[in-house]
């Protein structure tokens, strides 16, 4: 599943509209989708793990998470969600625009807290676990948020905003959780550009030379840079992304395996079958049978 499909999934769960940019809904890996590939967006995202566990990567730093953990992803930060093979993770996804809490005027909340947070001038913790002193209070807020959104009354936006303000009050009230943030690294911008290109062109033939041209690097420099930054060669990452796309289509359509493989950038069906089984521990046909709804 790529970012476009992920956005579509979120829109189907929307509680409001453009006047109230806030979403909350349950997710399951691999029940809803096999993995959430590396991506970013302009909203804040809270991931509240309810059952099972896995890993959430934020700006290329991996965090192991389990039931009860809360992950905060700030706007513009690269992130992905994975579970181990044969593992699963149920979590609640809370996504909203920071503008929901900011004032169009120059009030103190915007100028001292939300503005600098959006601009990357300050940061707050990415992972909140049950042993943290703040955890019981933040978890209580999220549980209350879930309650009022489960069967929303017309005034529920007021409750949502009051709870989100309480969450940020708790986070910002701790002096040791606010820190200066460095200027964005050039390597991170290169990775974002690479991921965006893959997202838009994964169905086409993509070569290392093409990617090097996109980033204005030599082919050898790009290969070294990508492996050093991502930990895997570019071709392997590209194939893993295509496999994630294919696995999603296997469970949401009745198209032939050959059509799906071709649509996801695999020119050779036997190669697709071999890579798929290596990644997911079963053939595409077996995967479809097990997870198709």
C-alpha atoms as a PDB file:
ATOM      1  CA  UNK A   1       0.000   0.000   0.000  1.00  0.00           C
ATOM      2  CA  UNK A   2       1.423   3.365  -0.958  1.00  0.00           C
ATOM      3  CA  UNK A   3       0.670   6.757   0.526  1.00  0.00           C
ATOM      4  CA  UNK A   4      -2.180   7.462  -1.893  1.00  0.00           C
ATOM      5  CA  UNK A   5      -3.965   4.238  -0.878  1.00  0.00           C
ATOM      6  CA  UNK A   6      -3.280   4.975   2.787  1.00  0.00           C
ATOM      7  CA  UNK A   7      -4.837   8.426   2.433  1.00  0.00           C
ATOM      8  CA  UNK A   8      -7.875   6.872   0.726  1.00  0.00           C
ATOM      9  CA  UNK A   9      -8.236   4.396   3.583  1.00  0.00           C
ATOM     10  CA  UNK A  10      -8.100   7.221   6.093  1.00  0.00           C
ATOM     11  CA  UNK A  11     -10.685   9.265   4.236  1.00  0.00           C
ATOM     12  CA  UNK A  12     -13.162   6.399   4.475  1.00  0.00           C
ATOM     13  CA  UNK A  13     -12.822   6.586   8.270  1.00  0.00           C
ATOM     14  CA  UNK A  14     -13.236  10.339   8.448  1.00  0.00           C
ATOM     15  CA  UNK A  15     -15.451  11.675  11.255  1.00  0.00           C
ATOM     16  CA  UNK A  16     -15.489  15.239   9.985  1.00  0.00           C
ATOM     17  CA  UNK A  17     -14.718  17.362   6.936  1.00  0.00           C
ATOM     18  CA  UNK A  18     -12.293  20.052   5.859  1.00  0.00           C
ATOM     19  CA  UNK A  19     -13.670  22.310   8.594  1.00  0.00           C
ATOM     20  CA  UNK A  20     -12.606  19.786  11.236  1.00  0.00           C
ATOM     21  CA  UNK A  21      -9.467  17.951  10.001  1.00  0.00           C
ATOM     22  CA  UNK A  22      -9.450  15.101  12.514  1.00  0.00           C
ATOM     23  CA  UNK A  23      -9.560  11.305  12.058  1.00  0.00           C
ATOM     24  CA  UNK A  24      -9.614   8.443  14.550  1.00  0.00           C
ATOM     25  CA  UNK A  25     -10.052   4.795  13.594  1.00  0.00           C
ATOM     26  CA  UNK A  26      -8.794   1.293  14.390  1.00  0.00           C
ATOM     27  CA  UNK A  27      -6.177  -0.397  12.203  1.00  0.00           C
ATOM     28  CA  UNK A  28      -4.752  -3.887  12.045  1.00  0.00           C
ATOM     29  CA  UNK A  29      -1.605  -5.239  10.457  1.00  0.00           C
ATOM     30  CA  UNK A  30      -1.883  -7.505   8.513  1.00  0.00           C
ATOM     31  CA  UNK A  31      -5.703  -7.480   8.640  1.00  0.00           C
ATOM     32  CA  UNK A  32      -6.187  -4.075   6.996  1.00  0.00           C
ATOM     33  CA  UNK A  33      -2.850  -3.862   5.190  1.00  0.00           C
ATOM     34  CA  UNK A  34       0.381  -5.912   5.381  1.00  0.00           C
ATOM     35  CA  UNK A  35       2.610  -2.982   6.271  1.00  0.00           C
ATOM     36  CA  UNK A  36       2.679   0.810   6.150  1.00  0.00           C
ATOM     37  CA  UNK A  37       5.618   1.811   3.921  1.00  0.00           C
ATOM     38  CA  UNK A  38       7.893   4.712   4.712  1.00  0.00           C
ATOM     39  CA  UNK A  39       6.043   7.968   4.018  1.00  0.00           C
ATOM     40  CA  UNK A  40       5.270  11.371   5.495  1.00  0.00           C
ATOM     41  CA  UNK A  41       2.426  13.877   5.624  1.00  0.00           C
ATOM     42  CA  UNK A  42       1.595  17.303   7.025  1.00  0.00           C
ATOM     43  CA  UNK A  43      -0.623  16.056   9.866  1.00  0.00           C
ATOM     44  CA  UNK A  44       0.292  14.932  13.366  1.00  0.00           C
ATOM     45  CA  UNK A  45      -0.243  11.216  13.872  1.00  0.00           C
ATOM     46  CA  UNK A  46      -0.732   9.369  17.156  1.00  0.00           C
ATOM     47  CA  UNK A  47      -0.394   5.584  17.079  1.00  0.00           C
ATOM     48  CA  UNK A  48      -1.919   3.939  20.169  1.00  0.00           C
ATOM     49  CA  UNK A  49      -1.034   0.238  20.230  1.00  0.00           C
ATOM     50  CA  UNK A  50      -3.907  -1.868  21.535  1.00  0.00           C
ATOM     51  CA  UNK A  51      -2.764  -5.440  20.921  1.00  0.00           C
ATOM     52  CA  UNK A  52       0.312  -7.236  19.641  1.00  0.00           C
ATOM     53  CA  UNK A  53       3.354  -5.263  18.590  1.00  0.00           C
ATOM     54  CA  UNK A  54       5.888  -4.448  15.933  1.00  0.00           C
ATOM     55  CA  UNK A  55       8.118  -1.559  15.010  1.00  0.00           C
ATOM     56  CA  UNK A  56       7.506   2.061  14.102  1.00  0.00           C
ATOM     57  CA  UNK A  57      10.299   3.869  12.289  1.00  0.00           C
ATOM     58  CA  UNK A  58      10.519   7.652  12.577  1.00  0.00           C
ATOM     59  CA  UNK A  59      13.131   9.490  10.528  1.00  0.00           C
ATOM     60  CA  UNK A  60      14.963   6.194  10.045  1.00  0.00           C
ATOM     61  CA  UNK A  61      15.107   5.425  13.788  1.00  0.00           C
ATOM     62  CA  UNK A  62      13.261   2.207  14.643  1.00  0.00           C
ATOM     63  CA  UNK A  63      11.174   1.944  17.822  1.00  0.00           C
ATOM     64  CA  UNK A  64       9.954  -1.435  19.057  1.00  0.00           C
ATOM     65  CA  UNK A  65       6.376  -1.079  20.288  1.00  0.00           C
ATOM     66  CA  UNK A  66       3.926  -3.300  22.126  1.00  0.00           C
ATOM     67  CA  UNK A  67       0.456  -3.161  23.603  1.00  0.00           C
ATOM     68  CA  UNK A  68      -0.152   0.114  25.459  1.00  0.00           C
ATOM     69  CA  UNK A  69       2.629   2.117  23.815  1.00  0.00           C
ATOM     70  CA  UNK A  70       1.858   5.503  22.257  1.00  0.00           C
ATOM     71  CA  UNK A  71       3.838   6.870  19.304  1.00  0.00           C
ATOM     72  CA  UNK A  72       3.793  10.517  18.253  1.00  0.00           C
ATOM     73  CA  UNK A  73       4.751  11.403  14.675  1.00  0.00           C
ATOM     74  CA  UNK A  74       5.226  15.106  13.967  1.00  0.00           C
ATOM     75  CA  UNK A  75       4.409  16.751  10.607  1.00  0.00           C
ATOM     76  CA  UNK A  76       6.873  16.034   7.823  1.00  0.00           C
ATOM     77  CA  UNK A  77       8.642  13.194   9.619  1.00  0.00           C
ATOM     78  CA  UNK A  78       9.298  10.002   7.683  1.00  0.00           C
ATOM     79  CA  UNK A  79       7.642   7.010   9.310  1.00  0.00           C
ATOM     80  CA  UNK A  80       6.599   3.428   8.633  1.00  0.00           C
ATOM     81  CA  UNK A  81       4.930   0.580  10.539  1.00  0.00           C
ATOM     82  CA  UNK A  82       5.903  -3.082  10.358  1.00  0.00           C
ATOM     83  CA  UNK A  83       5.233  -6.305  12.215  1.00  0.00           C
ATOM     84  CA  UNK A  84       7.400  -9.433  12.279  1.00  0.00           C
ATOM     85  CA  UNK A  85       6.453 -12.322  10.035  1.00  0.00           C
ATOM     86  CA  UNK A  86       3.389 -14.113  11.429  1.00  0.00           C
ATOM     87  CA  UNK A  87       2.984 -11.245  13.908  1.00  0.00           C
ATOM     88  CA  UNK A  88       0.165  -8.732  14.160  1.00  0.00           C
ATOM     89  CA  UNK A  89      -0.583  -5.351  15.673  1.00  0.00           C
ATOM     90  CA  UNK A  90      -3.917  -3.710  16.399  1.00  0.00           C
ATOM     91  CA  UNK A  91      -3.670   0.013  16.944  1.00  0.00           C
ATOM     92  CA  UNK A  92      -5.720   3.138  17.034  1.00  0.00           C
ATOM     93  CA  UNK A  93      -4.751   5.805  14.545  1.00  0.00           C
ATOM     94  CA  UNK A  94      -5.368   9.443  15.462  1.00  0.00           C
ATOM     95  CA  UNK A  95      -4.502  11.970  12.746  1.00  0.00           C
ATOM     96  CA  UNK A  96      -5.179  15.690  12.716  1.00  0.00           C
ATOM     97  CA  UNK A  97      -3.913  18.973  11.348  1.00  0.00           C
ATOM     98  CA  UNK A  98      -1.999  21.051  13.855  1.00  0.00           C
ATOM     99  CA  UNK A  99      -3.981  24.026  12.554  1.00  0.00           C
ATOM    100  CA  UNK A 100      -6.925  22.513  14.421  1.00  0.00           C
ATOM    101  CA  UNK A 101      -5.342  23.820  17.644  1.00  0.00           C
ATOM    102  CA  UNK A 102      -3.603  26.916  16.312  1.00  0.00           C
ATOM    103  CA  UNK A 103      -5.088  30.357  16.217  1.00  0.00           C
ATOM    104  CA  UNK A 104      -5.038  32.466  13.033  1.00  0.00           C
ATOM    105  CA  UNK A 105      -3.909  35.315  15.240  1.00  0.00           C
ATOM    106  CA  UNK A 106      -0.652  35.662  17.158  1.00  0.00           C
ATOM    107  CA  UNK A 107      -1.796  34.043  20.385  1.00  0.00           C
ATOM    108  CA  UNK A 108       0.739  32.565  22.816  1.00  0.00           C
ATOM    109  CA  UNK A 109      -0.248  28.947  22.097  1.00  0.00           C
ATOM    110  CA  UNK A 110       0.617  29.348  18.439  1.00  0.00           C
ATOM    111  CA  UNK A 111       3.742  31.505  18.774  1.00  0.00           C
ATOM    112  CA  UNK A 112       5.377  29.629  21.679  1.00  0.00           C
ATOM    113  CA  UNK A 113       4.252  26.043  21.135  1.00  0.00           C
ATOM    114  CA  UNK A 114       2.397  24.930  18.009  1.00  0.00           C
ATOM    115  CA  UNK A 115       4.217  27.234  15.568  1.00  0.00           C
ATOM    116  CA  UNK A 116       7.720  26.172  16.652  1.00  0.00           C
ATOM    117  CA  UNK A 117       6.575  22.533  16.756  1.00  0.00           C
ATOM    118  CA  UNK A 118       5.299  22.706  13.178  1.00  0.00           C
ATOM    119  CA  UNK A 119       8.487  24.445  12.012  1.00  0.00           C
ATOM    120  CA  UNK A 120      10.759  21.882  13.636  1.00  0.00           C
ATOM    121  CA  UNK A 121      12.262  24.366  16.091  1.00  0.00           C
ATOM    122  CA  UNK A 122      11.264  22.265  19.100  1.00  0.00           C
ATOM    123  CA  UNK A 123      10.449  18.610  19.581  1.00  0.00           C
ATOM    124  CA  UNK A 124       8.572  16.374  21.987  1.00  0.00           C
ATOM    125  CA  UNK A 125       8.977  12.637  22.681  1.00  0.00           C
ATOM    126  CA  UNK A 126       8.208  10.192  19.890  1.00  0.00           C
ATOM    127  CA  UNK A 127       7.501   7.231  22.160  1.00  0.00           C
ATOM    128  CA  UNK A 128       5.490   7.198  25.390  1.00  0.00           C
ATOM    129  CA  UNK A 129       5.466   3.880  27.262  1.00  0.00           C
ATOM    130  CA  UNK A 130       3.586   2.733  30.397  1.00  0.00           C
ATOM    131  CA  UNK A 131       6.594   3.268  32.697  1.00  0.00           C
ATOM    132  CA  UNK A 132       6.803   6.978  31.816  1.00  0.00           C
ATOM    133  CA  UNK A 133       5.370   9.353  34.463  1.00  0.00           C
ATOM    134  CA  UNK A 134       3.175  11.083  31.875  1.00  0.00           C
ATOM    135  CA  UNK A 135       1.767   7.873  30.459  1.00  0.00           C
ATOM    136  CA  UNK A 136      -1.314   7.336  32.707  1.00  0.00           C
ATOM    137  CA  UNK A 137      -2.551  10.866  32.014  1.00  0.00           C
ATOM    138  CA  UNK A 138      -1.975  10.795  28.254  1.00  0.00           C
ATOM    139  CA  UNK A 139      -3.440   7.296  27.913  1.00  0.00           C
ATOM    140  CA  UNK A 140      -6.487   8.457  29.870  1.00  0.00           C
ATOM    141  CA  UNK A 141      -6.906  11.362  27.434  1.00  0.00           C
ATOM    142  CA  UNK A 142      -6.723   9.059  24.426  1.00  0.00           C
ATOM    143  CA  UNK A 143      -9.191   6.633  25.975  1.00  0.00           C
ATOM    144  CA  UNK A 144     -11.605   9.498  26.546  1.00  0.00           C
ATOM    145  CA  UNK A 145     -11.031  10.662  22.978  1.00  0.00           C
ATOM    146  CA  UNK A 146     -11.953   7.201  21.759  1.00  0.00           C
ATOM    147  CA  UNK A 147     -15.085   7.177  23.896  1.00  0.00           C
ATOM    148  CA  UNK A 148     -16.525  10.459  22.666  1.00  0.00           C
ATOM    149  CA  UNK A 149     -15.712   9.636  19.017  1.00  0.00           C
ATOM    150  CA  UNK A 150     -17.180   6.147  19.158  1.00  0.00           C
ATOM    151  CA  UNK A 151     -20.729   7.501  19.031  1.00  0.00           C
ATOM    152  CA  UNK A 152     -20.243  11.221  18.373  1.00  0.00           C
ATOM    153  CA  UNK A 153     -22.858  13.799  19.296  1.00  0.00           C
ATOM    154  CA  UNK A 154     -23.033  17.123  17.398  1.00  0.00           C
ATOM    155  CA  UNK A 155     -20.808  18.818  19.994  1.00  0.00           C
ATOM    156  CA  UNK A 156     -18.061  16.166  19.831  1.00  0.00           C
ATOM    157  CA  UNK A 157     -15.552  18.543  18.098  1.00  0.00           C
ATOM    158  CA  UNK A 158     -15.460  20.586  21.308  1.00  0.00           C
ATOM    159  CA  UNK A 159     -14.556  17.493  23.296  1.00  0.00           C
ATOM    160  CA  UNK A 160     -11.906  16.471  20.770  1.00  0.00           C
ATOM    161  CA  UNK A 161     -10.165  19.830  20.848  1.00  0.00           C
ATOM    162  CA  UNK A 162     -10.262  20.069  24.643  1.00  0.00           C
ATOM    163  CA  UNK A 163      -8.632  16.639  24.970  1.00  0.00           C
ATOM    164  CA  UNK A 164      -5.943  17.388  22.369  1.00  0.00           C
ATOM    165  CA  UNK A 165      -5.104  20.623  24.208  1.00  0.00           C
ATOM    166  CA  UNK A 166      -4.793  18.596  27.416  1.00  0.00           C
ATOM    167  CA  UNK A 167      -2.423  16.123  25.746  1.00  0.00           C
ATOM    168  CA  UNK A 168      -0.129  18.905  24.543  1.00  0.00           C
ATOM    169  CA  UNK A 169      -0.339  20.674  27.882  1.00  0.00           C
ATOM    170  CA  UNK A 170       1.007  17.507  29.495  1.00  0.00           C
ATOM    171  CA  UNK A 171       3.784  17.116  26.932  1.00  0.00           C
ATOM    172  CA  UNK A 172       4.887  20.743  26.976  1.00  0.00           C
ATOM    173  CA  UNK A 173       4.723  21.006  30.771  1.00  0.00           C
ATOM    174  CA  UNK A 174       7.764  18.738  31.065  1.00  0.00           C
ATOM    175  CA  UNK A 175      10.902  20.848  30.651  1.00  0.00           C
ATOM    176  CA  UNK A 176      13.087  17.884  29.766  1.00  0.00           C
ATOM    177  CA  UNK A 177      10.964  16.872  26.769  1.00  0.00           C
ATOM    178  CA  UNK A 178      11.510  20.092  24.802  1.00  0.00           C
ATOM    179  CA  UNK A 179      14.720  20.366  22.835  1.00  0.00           C
ATOM    180  CA  UNK A 180      16.167  22.274  19.930  1.00  0.00           C
ATOM    181  CA  UNK A 181      16.004  20.547  16.596  1.00  0.00           C
ATOM    182  CA  UNK A 182      18.786  20.707  14.030  1.00  0.00           C
ATOM    183  CA  UNK A 183      18.289  21.859  10.479  1.00  0.00           C
ATOM    184  CA  UNK A 184      17.007  19.084   8.206  1.00  0.00           C
ATOM    185  CA  UNK A 185      19.825  16.873   6.970  1.00  0.00           C
ATOM    186  CA  UNK A 186      20.512  16.826   3.239  1.00  0.00           C
ATOM    187  CA  UNK A 187      20.439  13.022   3.349  1.00  0.00           C
ATOM    188  CA  UNK A 188      16.874  13.102   4.715  1.00  0.00           C
ATOM    189  CA  UNK A 189      15.758  15.329   1.847  1.00  0.00           C
ATOM    190  CA  UNK A 190      17.374  12.917  -0.599  1.00  0.00           C
ATOM    191  CA  UNK A 191      15.534   9.981   0.986  1.00  0.00           C
ATOM    192  CA  UNK A 192      12.218  11.854   0.821  1.00  0.00           C
ATOM    193  CA  UNK A 193      12.772  12.602  -2.855  1.00  0.00           C
ATOM    194  CA  UNK A 194      13.641   8.956  -3.519  1.00  0.00           C
ATOM    195  CA  UNK A 195      10.577   7.642  -1.713  1.00  0.00           C
ATOM    196  CA  UNK A 196       8.300  10.110  -3.491  1.00  0.00           C
ATOM    197  CA  UNK A 197       9.709   9.030  -6.857  1.00  0.00           C
ATOM    198  CA  UNK A 198       9.138   5.356  -6.026  1.00  0.00           C
ATOM    199  CA  UNK A 199       5.601   6.115  -4.862  1.00  0.00           C
ATOM    200  CA  UNK A 200       4.764   7.761  -8.172  1.00  0.00           C
ATOM    201  CA  UNK A 201       6.654   5.426 -10.514  1.00  0.00           C
ATOM    202  CA  UNK A 202       6.875   2.006  -8.818  1.00  0.00           C
ATOM    203  CA  UNK A 203       4.824   0.415 -11.629  1.00  0.00           C
ATOM    204  CA  UNK A 204       7.388   1.543 -14.203  1.00  0.00           C
ATOM    205  CA  UNK A 205      10.918   0.421 -14.871  1.00  0.00           C
ATOM    206  CA  UNK A 206      13.210   2.245 -12.409  1.00  0.00           C
ATOM    207  CA  UNK A 207      16.984   2.089 -12.673  1.00  0.00           C
ATOM    208  CA  UNK A 208      19.725   3.245 -10.353  1.00  0.00           C
ATOM    209  CA  UNK A 209      20.821   5.675 -13.048  1.00  0.00           C
ATOM    210  CA  UNK A 210      17.352   7.252 -13.086  1.00  0.00           C
ATOM    211  CA  UNK A 211      17.354   7.735  -9.333  1.00  0.00           C
ATOM    212  CA  UNK A 212      20.866   9.150  -9.405  1.00  0.00           C
ATOM    213  CA  UNK A 213      19.729  11.709 -12.000  1.00  0.00           C
ATOM    214  CA  UNK A 214      16.721  12.677  -9.846  1.00  0.00           C
ATOM    215  CA  UNK A 215      19.055  13.484  -6.938  1.00  0.00           C
ATOM    216  CA  UNK A 216      21.829  14.921  -9.139  1.00  0.00           C
ATOM    217  CA  UNK A 217      24.293  12.289  -7.935  1.00  0.00           C
ATOM    218  CA  UNK A 218      26.486   9.780  -9.714  1.00  0.00           C
ATOM    219  CA  UNK A 219      25.147   6.218  -9.828  1.00  0.00           C
ATOM    220  CA  UNK A 220      27.921   4.918  -7.560  1.00  0.00           C
ATOM    221  CA  UNK A 221      27.392   7.757  -5.067  1.00  0.00           C
ATOM    222  CA  UNK A 222      23.644   7.120  -4.993  1.00  0.00           C
ATOM    223  CA  UNK A 223      24.098   3.376  -4.352  1.00  0.00           C
ATOM    224  CA  UNK A 224      26.512   4.019  -1.470  1.00  0.00           C
ATOM    225  CA  UNK A 225      24.340   6.771  -0.021  1.00  0.00           C
ATOM    226  CA  UNK A 226      21.116   4.760  -0.150  1.00  0.00           C
ATOM    227  CA  UNK A 227      22.548   1.624   1.432  1.00  0.00           C
ATOM    228  CA  UNK A 228      24.367   3.601   4.133  1.00  0.00           C
ATOM    229  CA  UNK A 229      21.199   5.545   4.994  1.00  0.00           C
ATOM    230  CA  UNK A 230      18.514   2.875   4.610  1.00  0.00           C
ATOM    231  CA  UNK A 231      20.531  -0.201   5.521  1.00  0.00           C
ATOM    232  CA  UNK A 232      19.552  -2.103   2.353  1.00  0.00           C
ATOM    233  CA  UNK A 233      20.449  -1.768  -1.345  1.00  0.00           C
ATOM    234  CA  UNK A 234      18.110   0.356  -3.453  1.00  0.00           C
ATOM    235  CA  UNK A 235      16.877  -2.523  -5.628  1.00  0.00           C
ATOM    236  CA  UNK A 236      15.906  -4.548  -2.559  1.00  0.00           C
ATOM    237  CA  UNK A 237      14.002  -1.599  -1.097  1.00  0.00           C
ATOM    238  CA  UNK A 238      12.245  -1.029  -4.418  1.00  0.00           C
ATOM    239  CA  UNK A 239      11.232  -4.690  -4.661  1.00  0.00           C
ATOM    240  CA  UNK A 240       9.998  -4.703  -1.049  1.00  0.00           C
ATOM    241  CA  UNK A 241       7.853  -1.645  -1.797  1.00  0.00           C
ATOM    242  CA  UNK A 242       6.417  -3.297  -4.898  1.00  0.00           C
ATOM    243  CA  UNK A 243       5.692  -6.471  -2.932  1.00  0.00           C
ATOM    244  CA  UNK A 244       3.803  -4.441  -0.313  1.00  0.00           C
ATOM    245  CA  UNK A 245       1.750  -2.889  -3.095  1.00  0.00           C
ATOM    246  CA  UNK A 246       1.069  -6.298  -4.613  1.00  0.00           C
ATOM    247  CA  UNK A 247       0.072  -7.858  -1.304  1.00  0.00           C
ATOM    248  CA  UNK A 248      -2.495  -5.107  -0.787  1.00  0.00           C
ATOM    249  CA  UNK A 249      -3.966  -5.660  -4.254  1.00  0.00           C
ATOM    250  CA  UNK A 250      -4.117  -9.416  -3.721  1.00  0.00           C
ATOM    251  CA  UNK A 251      -6.515  -8.910  -0.812  1.00  0.00           C
ATOM    252  CA  UNK A 252      -8.599  -6.072  -2.260  1.00  0.00           C
ATOM    253  CA  UNK A 253      -9.175  -7.232  -5.824  1.00  0.00           C
ATOM    254  CA  UNK A 254      -9.906 -10.362  -7.834  1.00  0.00           C
ATOM    255  CA  UNK A 255      -7.425  -9.494 -10.578  1.00  0.00           C
ATOM    256  CA  UNK A 256      -5.110 -12.236 -11.729  1.00  0.00           C
ATOM    257  CA  UNK A 257      -1.748 -12.625 -10.028  1.00  0.00           C
ATOM    258  CA  UNK A 258      -0.052 -11.978 -13.354  1.00  0.00           C
ATOM    259  CA  UNK A 259      -1.909  -8.669 -13.759  1.00  0.00           C
ATOM    260  CA  UNK A 260      -1.065  -7.566 -10.220  1.00  0.00           C
ATOM    261  CA  UNK A 261       2.595  -8.485 -10.625  1.00  0.00           C
ATOM    262  CA  UNK A 262       2.823  -6.539 -13.865  1.00  0.00           C
ATOM    263  CA  UNK A 263       0.950  -3.562 -12.421  1.00  0.00           C
ATOM    264  CA  UNK A 264       3.401  -3.433  -9.512  1.00  0.00           C
ATOM    265  CA  UNK A 265       6.489  -3.298 -11.696  1.00  0.00           C
ATOM    266  CA  UNK A 266       7.439  -6.987 -11.946  1.00  0.00           C
ATOM    267  CA  UNK A 267       8.118  -7.967 -15.545  1.00  0.00           C
ATOM    268  CA  UNK A 268       8.784 -11.594 -14.647  1.00  0.00           C
ATOM    269  CA  UNK A 269       6.070 -13.633 -12.886  1.00  0.00           C
ATOM    270  CA  UNK A 270       8.430 -16.324 -11.604  1.00  0.00           C
ATOM    271  CA  UNK A 271      10.652 -13.643 -10.029  1.00  0.00           C
ATOM    272  CA  UNK A 272       7.591 -12.054  -8.425  1.00  0.00           C
ATOM    273  CA  UNK A 273       6.444 -15.408  -6.990  1.00  0.00           C
ATOM    274  CA  UNK A 274       9.911 -16.169  -5.643  1.00  0.00           C
ATOM    275  CA  UNK A 275      10.405 -12.765  -4.011  1.00  0.00           C
ATOM    276  CA  UNK A 276       6.869 -12.771  -2.608  1.00  0.00           C
ATOM    277  CA  UNK A 277       7.293 -16.158  -0.924  1.00  0.00           C
ATOM    278  CA  UNK A 278      10.648 -15.092   0.493  1.00  0.00           C
ATOM    279  CA  UNK A 279       9.109 -11.922   1.955  1.00  0.00           C
ATOM    280  CA  UNK A 280       5.789 -13.279   3.257  1.00  0.00           C
ATOM    281  CA  UNK A 281       6.506 -16.974   3.754  1.00  0.00           C
ATOM    282  CA  UNK A 282       3.774 -18.077   1.344  1.00  0.00           C
ATOM    283  CA  UNK A 283       2.879 -17.828  -2.318  1.00  0.00           C
ATOM    284  CA  UNK A 284       0.725 -14.964  -3.633  1.00  0.00           C
ATOM    285  CA  UNK A 285      -2.152 -17.395  -4.075  1.00  0.00           C
ATOM    286  CA  UNK A 286      -1.844 -18.652  -0.484  1.00  0.00           C
ATOM    287  CA  UNK A 287      -1.611 -15.065   0.781  1.00  0.00           C
ATOM    288  CA  UNK A 288      -4.771 -14.097  -1.070  1.00  0.00           C
ATOM    289  CA  UNK A 289      -6.640 -17.069   0.312  1.00  0.00           C
ATOM    290  CA  UNK A 290      -5.585 -16.304   3.891  1.00  0.00           C
ATOM    291  CA  UNK A 291      -6.157 -12.531   3.977  1.00  0.00           C
ATOM    292  CA  UNK A 292      -8.727 -11.665   1.334  1.00  0.00           C
ATOM    293  CA  UNK A 293     -11.912 -10.313   2.910  1.00  0.00           C
END
